[in-house]
C-alpha atoms as a PDB file:
ATOM      1  CA  MET A   1     -20.600 -27.827  -5.397  1.00  0.00           C
ATOM      2  CA  SER A   2     -22.384 -30.904  -4.929  1.00  0.00           C
ATOM      3  CA  SER A   3     -24.650 -30.123  -2.096  1.00  0.00           C
ATOM      4  CA  VAL A   4     -27.924 -31.666  -1.704  1.00  0.00           C
ATOM      5  CA  ILE A   5     -30.754 -29.969  -0.046  1.00  0.00           C
ATOM      6  CA  LEU A   6     -34.515 -31.895   1.015  1.00  0.00           C
ATOM      7  CA  LYS A   7     -37.061 -29.211   1.999  1.00  0.00           C
ATOM      8  CA  ASN A   8     -39.956 -30.402   3.368  1.00  0.00           C
ATOM      9  CA  LEU A   9     -39.854 -33.245   1.550  1.00  0.00           C
ATOM     10  CA  VAL A  10     -43.033 -35.591   1.593  1.00  0.00           C
ATOM     11  CA  LYS A  11     -43.914 -38.787  -0.397  1.00  0.00           C
ATOM     12  CA  SER A  12     -47.438 -40.776  -0.396  1.00  0.00           C
ATOM     13  CA  TYR A  13     -48.132 -43.235  -2.295  1.00  0.00           C
ATOM     14  CA  ASP A  14     -52.007 -43.524  -1.475  1.00  0.00           C
ATOM     15  CA  GLY A  15     -52.536 -40.292  -0.477  1.00  0.00           C
ATOM     16  CA  LYS A  16     -53.019 -41.250   2.896  1.00  0.00           C
ATOM     17  CA  LYS A  17     -49.858 -42.700   4.632  1.00  0.00           C
ATOM     18  CA  ASN A  18     -46.685 -40.394   4.390  1.00  0.00           C
ATOM     19  CA  VAL A  19     -43.634 -42.740   4.091  1.00  0.00           C
ATOM     20  CA  ILE A  20     -41.634 -39.539   3.671  1.00  0.00           C
ATOM     21  CA  ASP A  21     -42.824 -37.412   6.243  1.00  0.00           C
ATOM     22  CA  ASN A  22     -42.260 -33.527   5.965  1.00  0.00           C
ATOM     23  CA  ILE A  23     -37.968 -34.357   5.939  1.00  0.00           C
ATOM     24  CA  ASN A  24     -35.433 -30.979   5.593  1.00  0.00           C
ATOM     25  CA  LEU A  25     -31.875 -32.041   5.603  1.00  0.00           C
ATOM     26  CA  GLU A  26     -28.672 -30.326   3.651  1.00  0.00           C
ATOM     27  CA  ILE A  27     -25.748 -32.382   2.539  1.00  0.00           C
ATOM     28  CA  LYS A  28     -22.745 -30.580   2.148  1.00  0.00           C
ATOM     29  CA  ASP A  29     -20.585 -30.419  -1.105  1.00  0.00           C
ATOM     30  CA  LYS A  30     -18.138 -33.586  -0.786  1.00  0.00           C
ATOM     31  CA  GLU A  31     -19.780 -34.962   2.390  1.00  0.00           C
ATOM     32  CA  PHE A  32     -20.218 -38.924   3.091  1.00  0.00           C
ATOM     33  CA  ILE A  33     -23.566 -39.002   4.515  1.00  0.00           C
ATOM     34  CA  VAL A  34     -25.034 -42.145   5.776  1.00  0.00           C
ATOM     35  CA  LEU A  35     -28.912 -42.985   6.001  1.00  0.00           C
ATOM     36  CA  VAL A  36     -29.601 -45.398   8.512  1.00  0.00           C
ATOM     37  CA  GLY A  37     -32.699 -47.271   9.708  1.00  0.00           C
ATOM     38  CA  SER A  38     -34.574 -50.342   9.613  1.00  0.00           C
ATOM     39  CA  SER A  39     -36.585 -52.068   6.677  1.00  0.00           C
ATOM     40  CA  GLY A  40     -39.555 -49.720   5.591  1.00  0.00           C
ATOM     41  CA  CYS A  41     -38.456 -46.315   7.402  1.00  0.00           C
ATOM     42  CA  GLY A  42     -38.202 -44.574   3.858  1.00  0.00           C
ATOM     43  CA  LYS A  43     -34.368 -44.772   3.491  1.00  0.00           C
ATOM     44  CA  SER A  44     -34.274 -46.081  -0.393  1.00  0.00           C
ATOM     45  CA  THR A  45     -37.222 -43.829  -1.155  1.00  0.00           C
ATOM     46  CA  ILE A  46     -35.115 -40.687  -0.071  1.00  0.00           C
ATOM     47  CA  LEU A  47     -32.519 -41.836  -2.645  1.00  0.00           C
ATOM     48  CA  ARG A  48     -35.282 -42.235  -5.275  1.00  0.00           C
ATOM     49  CA  LEU A  49     -36.820 -38.933  -4.712  1.00  0.00           C
ATOM     50  CA  ILE A  50     -33.277 -37.271  -5.236  1.00  0.00           C
ATOM     51  CA  SER A  51     -32.382 -39.143  -8.104  1.00  0.00           C
ATOM     52  CA  GLY A  52     -35.998 -38.478  -9.938  1.00  0.00           C
ATOM     53  CA  LEU A  53     -36.971 -42.463 -10.336  1.00  0.00           C
ATOM     54  CA  GLU A  54     -39.982 -41.496  -7.762  1.00  0.00           C
ATOM     55  CA  ASP A  55     -42.096 -38.265  -8.045  1.00  0.00           C
ATOM     56  CA  ILE A  56     -42.212 -36.225  -4.898  1.00  0.00           C
ATOM     57  CA  THR A  57     -45.496 -35.525  -3.420  1.00  0.00           C
ATOM     58  CA  SER A  58     -44.458 -32.186  -2.080  1.00  0.00           C
ATOM     59  CA  GLY A  59     -41.767 -30.134  -0.852  1.00  0.00           C
ATOM     60  CA  GLU A  60     -38.259 -30.209  -3.024  1.00  0.00           C
ATOM     61  CA  VAL A  61     -35.540 -31.128  -3.851  1.00  0.00           C
ATOM     62  CA  LEU A  62     -32.333 -28.937  -4.558  1.00  0.00           C
ATOM     63  CA  ILE A  63     -28.967 -29.957  -6.059  1.00  0.00           C
ATOM     64  CA  ASP A  64     -26.488 -27.023  -6.631  1.00  0.00           C
ATOM     65  CA  ASN A  65     -29.344 -24.773  -4.811  1.00  0.00           C
ATOM     66  CA  LYS A  66     -31.154 -25.533  -7.963  1.00  0.00           C
ATOM     67  CA  VAL A  67     -34.846 -27.176  -7.440  1.00  0.00           C
ATOM     68  CA  VAL A  68     -34.616 -30.439  -9.725  1.00  0.00           C
ATOM     69  CA  ASN A  69     -38.251 -31.804  -9.122  1.00  0.00           C
ATOM     70  CA  SER A  70     -39.105 -31.714 -12.303  1.00  0.00           C
ATOM     71  CA  VAL A  71     -35.633 -32.460 -14.145  1.00  0.00           C
ATOM     72  CA  PRO A  72     -35.628 -35.762 -15.662  1.00  0.00           C
ATOM     73  CA  PRO A  73     -33.475 -38.609 -13.905  1.00  0.00           C
ATOM     74  CA  LYS A  74     -30.961 -38.493 -16.655  1.00  0.00           C
ATOM     75  CA  ASP A  75     -30.519 -34.854 -16.312  1.00  0.00           C
ATOM     76  CA  ARG A  76     -29.460 -34.708 -12.605  1.00  0.00           C
ATOM     77  CA  ASP A  77     -26.051 -35.551 -12.982  1.00  0.00           C
ATOM     78  CA  ILE A  78     -26.498 -38.115 -10.715  1.00  0.00           C
ATOM     79  CA  ALA A  79     -24.752 -41.653 -10.464  1.00  0.00           C
ATOM     80  CA  PHE A  80     -26.965 -44.562  -8.496  1.00  0.00           C
ATOM     81  CA  VAL A  81     -25.272 -47.933  -7.420  1.00  0.00           C
ATOM     82  CA  PHE A  82     -27.790 -50.706  -6.692  1.00  0.00           C
ATOM     83  CA  GLN A  83     -28.152 -53.408  -4.245  1.00  0.00           C
ATOM     84  CA  SER A  84     -28.380 -55.745  -7.189  1.00  0.00           C
ATOM     85  CA  TYR A  85     -25.613 -54.050  -9.139  1.00  0.00           C
ATOM     86  CA  ALA A  86     -27.819 -53.732 -12.161  1.00  0.00           C
ATOM     87  CA  LEU A  87     -25.185 -54.951 -14.693  1.00  0.00           C
ATOM     88  CA  TYR A  88     -25.927 -55.545 -18.045  1.00  0.00           C
ATOM     89  CA  PRO A  89     -25.517 -59.480 -18.497  1.00  0.00           C
ATOM     90  CA  HIS A  90     -25.277 -59.734 -22.234  1.00  0.00           C
ATOM     91  CA  MET A  91     -22.527 -56.929 -22.065  1.00  0.00           C
ATOM     92  CA  SER A  92     -18.698 -57.394 -21.189  1.00  0.00           C
ATOM     93  CA  VAL A  93     -17.332 -55.458 -18.058  1.00  0.00           C
ATOM     94  CA  TYR A  94     -16.205 -52.868 -20.712  1.00  0.00           C
ATOM     95  CA  ASP A  95     -19.167 -52.216 -22.238  1.00  0.00           C
ATOM     96  CA  ASN A  96     -21.261 -51.740 -18.714  1.00  0.00           C
ATOM     97  CA  ILE A  97     -18.391 -49.355 -17.737  1.00  0.00           C
ATOM     98  CA  ALA A  98     -18.647 -47.555 -21.044  1.00  0.00           C
ATOM     99  CA  PHE A  99     -22.583 -47.552 -21.053  1.00  0.00           C
ATOM    100  CA  GLY A 100     -23.467 -44.333 -19.801  1.00  0.00           C
ATOM    101  CA  LEU A 101     -20.698 -42.724 -21.963  1.00  0.00           C
ATOM    102  CA  LYS A 102     -21.708 -44.222 -24.965  1.00  0.00           C
ATOM    103  CA  MET A 103     -25.258 -42.666 -24.182  1.00  0.00           C
ATOM    104  CA  ARG A 104     -23.940 -39.462 -24.241  1.00  0.00           C
ATOM    105  CA  LYS A 105     -22.076 -39.627 -27.527  1.00  0.00           C
ATOM    106  CA  ILE A 106     -18.727 -39.243 -25.925  1.00  0.00           C
ATOM    107  CA  PRO A 107     -16.393 -39.956 -28.615  1.00  0.00           C
ATOM    108  CA  LYS A 108     -14.763 -43.433 -28.813  1.00  0.00           C
ATOM    109  CA  LEU A 109     -11.047 -42.639 -27.793  1.00  0.00           C
ATOM    110  CA  GLU A 110     -11.926 -40.294 -24.955  1.00  0.00           C
ATOM    111  CA  ILE A 111     -14.688 -43.603 -23.674  1.00  0.00           C
ATOM    112  CA  ASP A 112     -11.928 -46.010 -23.948  1.00  0.00           C
ATOM    113  CA  LYS A 113      -9.246 -43.538 -22.068  1.00  0.00           C
ATOM    114  CA  LYS A 114     -11.788 -43.374 -19.315  1.00  0.00           C
ATOM    115  CA  VAL A 115     -13.023 -47.048 -19.169  1.00  0.00           C
ATOM    116  CA  ARG A 116      -9.399 -48.062 -18.933  1.00  0.00           C
ATOM    117  CA  GLU A 117      -8.383 -45.465 -16.296  1.00  0.00           C
ATOM    118  CA  VAL A 118     -11.532 -46.245 -13.889  1.00  0.00           C
ATOM    119  CA  ALA A 119     -10.899 -50.274 -14.442  1.00  0.00           C
ATOM    120  CA  LYS A 120      -7.182 -49.762 -13.160  1.00  0.00           C
ATOM    121  CA  SER A 121      -8.538 -47.623 -10.172  1.00  0.00           C
ATOM    122  CA  LEU A 122     -10.482 -50.543  -9.310  1.00  0.00           C
ATOM    123  CA  ASN A 123      -8.279 -53.577  -9.948  1.00  0.00           C
ATOM    124  CA  LEU A 124     -10.534 -54.621 -13.065  1.00  0.00           C
ATOM    125  CA  GLU A 125      -8.174 -54.256 -16.122  1.00  0.00           C
ATOM    126  CA  GLU A 126      -7.909 -57.952 -16.524  1.00  0.00           C
ATOM    127  CA  LEU A 127     -11.779 -58.606 -16.229  1.00  0.00           C
ATOM    128  CA  LEU A 128     -12.848 -56.094 -19.057  1.00  0.00           C
ATOM    129  CA  ASP A 129     -13.747 -58.619 -21.555  1.00  0.00           C
ATOM    130  CA  ARG A 130     -15.469 -60.995 -19.282  1.00  0.00           C
ATOM    131  CA  LYS A 131     -19.457 -61.051 -18.839  1.00  0.00           C
ATOM    132  CA  PRO A 132     -20.740 -60.157 -15.395  1.00  0.00           C
ATOM    133  CA  ARG A 133     -21.820 -63.855 -14.703  1.00  0.00           C
ATOM    134  CA  GLN A 134     -17.915 -64.949 -14.800  1.00  0.00           C
ATOM    135  CA  LEU A 135     -17.354 -62.406 -11.941  1.00  0.00           C
ATOM    136  CA  SER A 136     -17.256 -62.879  -7.892  1.00  0.00           C
ATOM    137  CA  GLY A 137     -19.897 -61.068  -5.858  1.00  0.00           C
ATOM    138  CA  GLY A 138     -17.003 -58.121  -5.226  1.00  0.00           C
ATOM    139  CA  GLN A 139     -16.076 -57.869  -8.724  1.00  0.00           C
ATOM    140  CA  ARG A 140     -19.538 -57.512  -9.727  1.00  0.00           C
ATOM    141  CA  GLN A 141     -19.414 -54.461  -7.173  1.00  0.00           C
ATOM    142  CA  ARG A 142     -16.600 -53.210  -8.573  1.00  0.00           C
ATOM    143  CA  VAL A 143     -17.977 -53.028 -11.881  1.00  0.00           C
ATOM    144  CA  ALA A 144     -21.264 -51.058 -10.698  1.00  0.00           C
ATOM    145  CA  LEU A 145     -18.640 -48.422  -8.647  1.00  0.00           C
ATOM    146  CA  GLY A 146     -16.742 -48.168 -12.175  1.00  0.00           C
ATOM    147  CA  ARG A 147     -19.947 -47.550 -14.471  1.00  0.00           C
ATOM    148  CA  ALA A 148     -20.817 -44.914 -11.932  1.00  0.00           C
ATOM    149  CA  ILE A 149     -17.061 -43.331 -11.615  1.00  0.00           C
ATOM    150  CA  VAL A 150     -16.533 -43.024 -15.240  1.00  0.00           C
ATOM    151  CA  ARG A 151     -19.231 -40.365 -15.482  1.00  0.00           C
ATOM    152  CA  ASN A 152     -17.503 -38.404 -13.198  1.00  0.00           C
ATOM    153  CA  PRO A 153     -21.295 -37.469 -11.490  1.00  0.00           C
ATOM    154  CA  LYS A 154     -21.909 -34.393  -9.394  1.00  0.00           C
ATOM    155  CA  VAL A 155     -23.439 -36.890  -6.462  1.00  0.00           C
ATOM    156  CA  PHE A 156     -23.175 -40.453  -5.650  1.00  0.00           C
ATOM    157  CA  LEU A 157     -25.889 -42.177  -4.796  1.00  0.00           C
ATOM    158  CA  MET A 158     -25.678 -46.230  -2.902  1.00  0.00           C
ATOM    159  CA  ASP A 159     -28.433 -48.136  -1.960  1.00  0.00           C
ATOM    160  CA  GLU A 160     -27.075 -50.920   0.470  1.00  0.00           C
ATOM    161  CA  PRO A 161     -24.503 -51.560  -2.231  1.00  0.00           C
ATOM    162  CA  LEU A 162     -22.451 -54.054   0.073  1.00  0.00           C
ATOM    163  CA  SER A 163     -25.848 -56.350   1.274  1.00  0.00           C
ATOM    164  CA  ASN A 164     -25.181 -59.242  -0.991  1.00  0.00           C
ATOM    165  CA  LEU A 165     -21.408 -59.484  -0.256  1.00  0.00           C
ATOM    166  CA  ASP A 166     -19.834 -62.297   2.329  1.00  0.00           C
ATOM    167  CA  ALA A 167     -18.466 -60.388   6.027  1.00  0.00           C
ATOM    168  CA  ASN A 168     -15.113 -60.110   5.079  1.00  0.00           C
ATOM    169  CA  LEU A 169     -15.604 -58.619   1.558  1.00  0.00           C
ATOM    170  CA  ARG A 170     -18.152 -56.310   3.096  1.00  0.00           C
ATOM    171  CA  VAL A 171     -15.150 -54.898   5.549  1.00  0.00           C
ATOM    172  CA  GLN A 172     -12.604 -54.572   2.466  1.00  0.00           C
ATOM    173  CA  MET A 173     -15.362 -52.888   0.316  1.00  0.00           C
ATOM    174  CA  ARG A 174     -16.165 -50.550   3.287  1.00  0.00           C
ATOM    175  CA  SER A 175     -12.607 -49.497   3.147  1.00  0.00           C
ATOM    176  CA  GLU A 176     -12.364 -49.118  -0.777  1.00  0.00           C
ATOM    177  CA  ILE A 177     -15.582 -46.986  -1.101  1.00  0.00           C
ATOM    178  CA  LYS A 178     -14.258 -44.774   1.566  1.00  0.00           C
ATOM    179  CA  LYS A 179     -10.567 -44.388  -0.341  1.00  0.00           C
ATOM    180  CA  LEU A 180     -12.840 -43.688  -3.055  1.00  0.00           C
ATOM    181  CA  HIS A 181     -14.859 -40.941  -1.354  1.00  0.00           C
ATOM    182  CA  GLN A 182     -11.792 -39.093  -0.237  1.00  0.00           C
ATOM    183  CA  LYS A 183     -10.042 -39.380  -3.851  1.00  0.00           C
ATOM    184  CA  LEU A 184     -13.202 -38.315  -5.904  1.00  0.00           C
ATOM    185  CA  GLN A 185     -13.869 -35.319  -3.538  1.00  0.00           C
ATOM    186  CA  THR A 186     -17.587 -35.602  -4.499  1.00  0.00           C
ATOM    187  CA  THR A 187     -21.020 -36.217  -2.516  1.00  0.00           C
ATOM    188  CA  PHE A 188     -21.949 -39.271  -1.202  1.00  0.00           C
ATOM    189  CA  ILE A 189     -25.542 -40.341  -0.092  1.00  0.00           C
ATOM    190  CA  TYR A 190     -25.347 -43.978   1.200  1.00  0.00           C
ATOM    191  CA  VAL A 191     -28.194 -46.355   2.339  1.00  0.00           C
ATOM    192  CA  THR A 192     -27.480 -49.259   4.761  1.00  0.00           C
ATOM    193  CA  HIS A 193     -29.694 -50.940   7.696  1.00  0.00           C
ATOM    194  CA  ASP A 194     -25.984 -51.948   9.263  1.00  0.00           C
ATOM    195  CA  GLN A 195     -25.060 -49.696  12.102  1.00  0.00           C
ATOM    196  CA  THR A 196     -21.494 -50.954  11.646  1.00  0.00           C
ATOM    197  CA  GLU A 197     -21.376 -49.726   7.907  1.00  0.00           C
ATOM    198  CA  ALA A 198     -22.892 -46.144   9.159  1.00  0.00           C
ATOM    199  CA  LEU A 199     -20.264 -45.865  12.274  1.00  0.00           C
ATOM    200  CA  THR A 200     -17.315 -46.563  10.345  1.00  0.00           C
ATOM    201  CA  MET A 201     -17.854 -44.738   6.882  1.00  0.00           C
ATOM    202  CA  GLY A 202     -20.051 -41.679   7.075  1.00  0.00           C
ATOM    203  CA  ASP A 203     -19.253 -38.090   7.747  1.00  0.00           C
ATOM    204  CA  ARG A 204     -22.877 -37.573   9.164  1.00  0.00           C
ATOM    205  CA  ILE A 205     -25.442 -40.408  10.144  1.00  0.00           C
ATOM    206  CA  VAL A 206     -29.037 -39.624   9.720  1.00  0.00           C
ATOM    207  CA  VAL A 207     -31.009 -42.243  11.782  1.00  0.00           C
ATOM    208  CA  LEU A 208     -34.871 -42.523  10.138  1.00  0.00           C
ATOM    209  CA  ASP A 209     -37.471 -43.775  11.523  1.00  0.00           C
ATOM    210  CA  LYS A 210     -41.169 -44.168   9.881  1.00  0.00           C
ATOM    211  CA  GLY A 211     -40.119 -41.436   7.353  1.00  0.00           C
ATOM    212  CA  LYS A 212     -39.081 -38.950   9.915  1.00  0.00           C
ATOM    213  CA  ILE A 213     -35.598 -38.108  10.763  1.00  0.00           C
ATOM    214  CA  GLN A 214     -34.894 -38.854  14.367  1.00  0.00           C
ATOM    215  CA  GLN A 215     -31.157 -37.560  14.589  1.00  0.00           C
ATOM    216  CA  ALA A 216     -28.569 -36.244  12.228  1.00  0.00           C
ATOM    217  CA  ASP A 217     -25.173 -35.900  13.467  1.00  0.00           C
ATOM    218  CA  SER A 218     -21.713 -37.163  13.557  1.00  0.00           C
ATOM    219  CA  PRO A 219     -20.869 -40.731  14.391  1.00  0.00           C
ATOM    220  CA  GLU A 220     -19.420 -39.756  17.750  1.00  0.00           C
ATOM    221  CA  VAL A 221     -22.480 -37.861  18.804  1.00  0.00           C
ATOM    222  CA  ILE A 222     -24.951 -40.321  17.394  1.00  0.00           C
ATOM    223  CA  TYR A 223     -23.229 -42.710  19.571  1.00  0.00           C
ATOM    224  CA  ASN A 224     -22.475 -40.768  22.617  1.00  0.00           C
ATOM    225  CA  SER A 225     -25.654 -38.494  22.405  1.00  0.00           C
ATOM    226  CA  PRO A 226     -28.611 -40.360  21.372  1.00  0.00           C
ATOM    227  CA  LYS A 227     -31.504 -37.798  21.287  1.00  0.00           C
ATOM    228  CA  ASN A 228     -34.305 -40.210  22.052  1.00  0.00           C
ATOM    229  CA  LYS A 229     -34.777 -43.948  23.008  1.00  0.00           C
ATOM    230  CA  PHE A 230     -35.049 -45.177  19.103  1.00  0.00           C
ATOM    231  CA  VAL A 231     -31.513 -43.601  18.069  1.00  0.00           C
ATOM    232  CA  ALA A 232     -29.942 -45.136  21.187  1.00  0.00           C
ATOM    233  CA  GLY A 233     -31.516 -48.636  20.467  1.00  0.00           C
ATOM    234  CA  PHE A 234     -30.594 -48.652  16.703  1.00  0.00           C
ATOM    235  CA  ILE A 235     -26.890 -47.450  17.100  1.00  0.00           C
ATOM    236  CA  GLY A 236     -24.820 -49.859  18.858  1.00  0.00           C
ATOM    237  CA  GLN A 237     -25.994 -52.403  21.596  1.00  0.00           C
ATOM    238  CA  MET A 238     -27.790 -50.638  24.224  1.00  0.00           C
ATOM    239  CA  ASN A 239     -29.780 -52.091  27.318  1.00  0.00           C
ATOM    240  CA  PHE A 240     -32.923 -50.748  28.469  1.00  0.00           C
ATOM    241  CA  ILE A 241     -34.134 -50.888  31.868  1.00  0.00           C
ATOM    242  CA  ASP A 242     -37.277 -50.014  33.452  1.00  0.00           C
ATOM    243  CA  VAL A 243     -36.700 -48.332  36.775  1.00  0.00           C
ATOM    244  CA  ASN A 244     -38.955 -45.918  39.471  1.00  0.00           C
ATOM    245  CA  VAL A 245     -36.615 -43.023  40.247  1.00  0.00           C
ATOM    246  CA  ASN A 246     -37.442 -41.714  43.629  1.00  0.00           C
ATOM    247  CA  ASN A 247     -35.292 -38.455  44.601  1.00  0.00           C
ATOM    248  CA  GLY A 248     -32.507 -39.763  42.528  1.00  0.00           C
ATOM    249  CA  HIS A 249     -32.971 -43.358  43.675  1.00  0.00           C
ATOM    250  CA  PHE A 250     -33.791 -46.319  41.810  1.00  0.00           C
ATOM    251  CA  LEU A 251     -33.725 -49.874  42.275  1.00  0.00           C
ATOM    252  CA  ILE A 252     -32.032 -52.412  39.782  1.00  0.00           C
ATOM    253  CA  GLU A 253     -32.836 -56.145  40.996  1.00  0.00           C
ATOM    254  CA  GLY A 254     -33.199 -54.733  44.380  1.00  0.00           C
ATOM    255  CA  ILE A 255     -30.034 -53.008  44.534  1.00  0.00           C
ATOM    256  CA  ASP A 256     -30.340 -49.116  45.440  1.00  0.00           C
ATOM    257  CA  PHE A 257     -28.761 -46.855  42.531  1.00  0.00           C
ATOM    258  CA  TYR A 258     -28.501 -42.916  42.651  1.00  0.00           C
ATOM    259  CA  THR A 259     -27.926 -40.458  40.042  1.00  0.00           C
ATOM    260  CA  ASP A 260     -27.736 -36.449  40.485  1.00  0.00           C
ATOM    261  CA  LYS A 261     -29.983 -35.912  37.534  1.00  0.00           C
ATOM    262  CA  ASN A 262     -33.328 -33.756  38.549  1.00  0.00           C
ATOM    263  CA  ILE A 263     -35.707 -37.640  37.515  1.00  0.00           C
ATOM    264  CA  ASN A 264     -38.570 -38.768  39.007  1.00  0.00           C
ATOM    265  CA  GLY A 265     -40.652 -41.287  38.372  1.00  0.00           C
ATOM    266  CA  SER A 266     -41.299 -44.602  36.196  1.00  0.00           C
ATOM    267  CA  VAL A 267     -38.514 -44.101  33.128  1.00  0.00           C
ATOM    268  CA  THR A 268     -36.395 -46.162  31.228  1.00  0.00           C
ATOM    269  CA  ALA A 269     -32.510 -46.337  32.452  1.00  0.00           C
ATOM    270  CA  ALA A 270     -30.454 -47.621  29.496  1.00  0.00           C
ATOM    271  CA  ILE A 271     -26.554 -48.883  29.433  1.00  0.00           C
ATOM    272  CA  ARG A 272     -24.401 -49.675  26.448  1.00  0.00           C
ATOM    273  CA  ALA A 273     -23.373 -53.591  26.619  1.00  0.00           C
ATOM    274  CA  GLU A 274     -19.865 -52.780  26.725  1.00  0.00           C
ATOM    275  CA  LYS A 275     -20.148 -50.322  29.682  1.00  0.00           C
ATOM    276  CA  MET A 276     -21.231 -53.279  32.231  1.00  0.00           C
ATOM    277  CA  VAL A 277     -18.011 -54.439  33.397  1.00  0.00           C
ATOM    278  CA  SER A 278     -16.034 -51.532  34.309  1.00  0.00           C
ATOM    279  CA  GLY A 279     -17.351 -49.290  37.166  1.00  0.00           C
ATOM    280  CA  ASP A 280     -17.949 -49.017  40.721  1.00  0.00           C
ATOM    281  CA  SER A 281     -21.517 -50.024  40.841  1.00  0.00           C
ATOM    282  CA  VAL A 282     -21.371 -53.978  41.670  1.00  0.00           C
ATOM    283  CA  LEU A 283     -24.625 -55.906  40.607  1.00  0.00           C
ATOM    284  CA  GLU A 284     -24.678 -59.839  40.446  1.00  0.00           C
ATOM    285  CA  VAL A 285     -27.009 -61.760  37.471  1.00  0.00           C
ATOM    286  CA  VAL A 286     -27.295 -65.165  36.009  1.00  0.00           C
ATOM    287  CA  PRO A 287     -26.050 -65.428  32.614  1.00  0.00           C
ATOM    288  CA  GLU A 288     -28.596 -67.272  30.619  1.00  0.00           C
ATOM    289  CA  ILE A 289     -26.837 -67.292  27.338  1.00  0.00           C
ATOM    290  CA  VAL A 290     -23.074 -66.863  26.631  1.00  0.00           C
ATOM    291  CA  GLU A 291     -21.863 -66.272  23.067  1.00  0.00           C
ATOM    292  CA  MET A 292     -18.220 -66.364  21.875  1.00  0.00           C
ATOM    293  CA  THR A 293     -17.769 -63.587  19.328  1.00  0.00           C
ATOM    294  CA  GLY A 294     -14.099 -63.749  18.852  1.00  0.00           C
ATOM    295  CA  GLY A 295     -12.059 -61.132  21.133  1.00  0.00           C
ATOM    296  CA  GLU A 296     -14.835 -61.106  23.675  1.00  0.00           C
ATOM    297  CA  ARG A 297     -17.885 -62.836  24.732  1.00  0.00           C
ATOM    298  CA  ILE A 298     -21.567 -61.466  25.061  1.00  0.00           C
ATOM    299  CA  VAL A 299     -23.284 -62.566  28.283  1.00  0.00           C
ATOM    300  CA  TYR A 300     -27.138 -62.526  28.115  1.00  0.00           C
ATOM    301  CA  PHE A 301     -29.291 -61.874  31.295  1.00  0.00           C
ATOM    302  CA  TYR A 302     -32.690 -60.202  32.893  1.00  0.00           C
ATOM    303  CA  LEU A 303     -32.373 -56.865  34.495  1.00  0.00           C
ATOM    304  CA  ASN A 304     -36.225 -55.852  36.182  1.00  0.00           C
ATOM    305  CA  GLY A 305     -37.567 -58.351  33.808  1.00  0.00           C
ATOM    306  CA  ASN A 306     -35.768 -56.591  30.923  1.00  0.00           C
ATOM    307  CA  LYS A 307     -33.587 -58.853  28.584  1.00  0.00           C
ATOM    308  CA  CYS A 308     -30.044 -57.162  28.473  1.00  0.00           C
ATOM    309  CA  SER A 309     -26.236 -58.277  27.497  1.00  0.00           C
ATOM    310  CA  ALA A 310     -22.658 -57.507  28.223  1.00  0.00           C
ATOM    311  CA  LYS A 311     -19.716 -57.380  26.394  1.00  0.00           C
ATOM    312  CA  VAL A 312     -17.040 -59.093  28.335  1.00  0.00           C
ATOM    313  CA  PRO A 313     -13.346 -59.803  27.690  1.00  0.00           C
ATOM    314  CA  LEU A 314     -12.714 -63.578  27.072  1.00  0.00           C
ATOM    315  CA  ASP A 315     -10.449 -64.007  31.008  1.00  0.00           C
ATOM    316  CA  TYR A 316     -13.502 -62.343  32.629  1.00  0.00           C
ATOM    317  CA  PRO A 317     -15.205 -64.926  35.258  1.00  0.00           C
ATOM    318  CA  ILE A 318     -18.498 -66.385  34.736  1.00  0.00           C
ATOM    319  CA  GLY A 319     -19.447 -68.795  36.574  1.00  0.00           C
ATOM    320  CA  ASP A 320     -23.423 -69.381  37.597  1.00  0.00           C
ATOM    321  CA  LYS A 321     -23.567 -66.193  38.465  1.00  0.00           C
ATOM    322  CA  ILE A 322     -21.732 -62.912  36.706  1.00  0.00           C
ATOM    323  CA  GLU A 323     -20.553 -59.886  38.374  1.00  0.00           C
ATOM    324  CA  LEU A 324     -21.251 -56.857  36.589  1.00  0.00           C
ATOM    325  CA  LYS A 325     -19.393 -53.412  37.310  1.00  0.00           C
ATOM    326  CA  PHE A 326     -20.624 -50.273  35.756  1.00  0.00           C
ATOM    327  CA  SER A 327     -21.149 -46.655  36.571  1.00  0.00           C
ATOM    328  CA  VAL A 328     -24.350 -45.229  36.687  1.00  0.00           C
ATOM    329  CA  ASN A 329     -22.460 -41.621  34.988  1.00  0.00           C
ATOM    330  CA  ASP A 330     -22.567 -44.327  31.779  1.00  0.00           C
ATOM    331  CA  MET A 331     -26.288 -44.560  32.068  1.00  0.00           C
ATOM    332  CA  TYR A 332     -28.906 -42.367  29.842  1.00  0.00           C
ATOM    333  CA  PHE A 333     -32.567 -41.674  31.322  1.00  0.00           C
ATOM    334  CA  PHE A 334     -35.665 -41.993  28.669  1.00  0.00           C
ATOM    335  CA  ASN A 335     -39.028 -40.696  28.777  1.00  0.00           C
ATOM    336  CA  LYS A 336     -40.917 -43.821  28.745  1.00  0.00           C
ATOM    337  CA  GLU A 337     -44.136 -42.249  26.888  1.00  0.00           C
ATOM    338  CA  SER A 338     -42.195 -39.813  24.392  1.00  0.00           C
ATOM    339  CA  GLY A 339     -38.751 -41.854  24.202  1.00  0.00           C
ATOM    340  CA  GLU A 340     -37.111 -38.389  24.424  1.00  0.00           C
ATOM    341  CA  VAL A 341     -33.556 -38.353  26.539  1.00  0.00           C
ATOM    342  CA  ILE A 342     -34.234 -36.975  29.844  1.00  0.00           C
END
């Protein structure tokens, strides 16, 4: 078992402000969980608290149902893959991968066998004699993964491991890490600020803001049923439109729309950019900017004074005006003050 449980976890550096604010989370054995949020939300700090690289202010971290608050990092049976790879520049690829095993006084023959097995699985066999400076970014990342894998830890912690790679290599490495998880059948806790990584890689996504969990659910639930405005805006491309609802009726650019939800007063309506060209409600707007993104275009415009966007097919007619087609049933409504979904 490789479960990780966070109980009432708090971290403060100055005794006044909590950068991690009473977090409770259970990560199941063999689960691939992704912590996502904007810079400074506390996601990397959570990894450091789990690993023991940071002291906990209050609360508990449990690994395999054992409290590890006072257990040194080296004794937690955790592997940490850093954003910067953290390879030893003077060592060969072989010695970088073998380093942790040598520190544990593993016999030389066993080390050699394990290093070569890992190198083969990561296509590093021909690079074992090279130094890190002789490697590409993707190769360095694979060496960092190899160093973690070779120890066969209970839990893998990964802190934005792909952020230094170019776009094509990131896509390739996303797939490699997922395959690695399926092969190793152990617990992965992965930190990123990239919503695409979160949606494509995680069994569950934990959305964080200001040291608090906003929502923890499957990618499908996070995307289709966000609990609040922050989650809705962070995952996917969401448009927010200020409206006043009166007995279900509200105006967008002077056109009357109706929702059968029990809503009245000033609220924030929201609809995803890809849902703006396929419904029965029609609205004409003036495009401000049109971006070509490959298989589609993104059109930017204003609704009720709010900047919005629509993802449209390449053959969608765009002139001085563009006709939006959407369904009110695809809209979300959020409380303006609390941000909670209505």
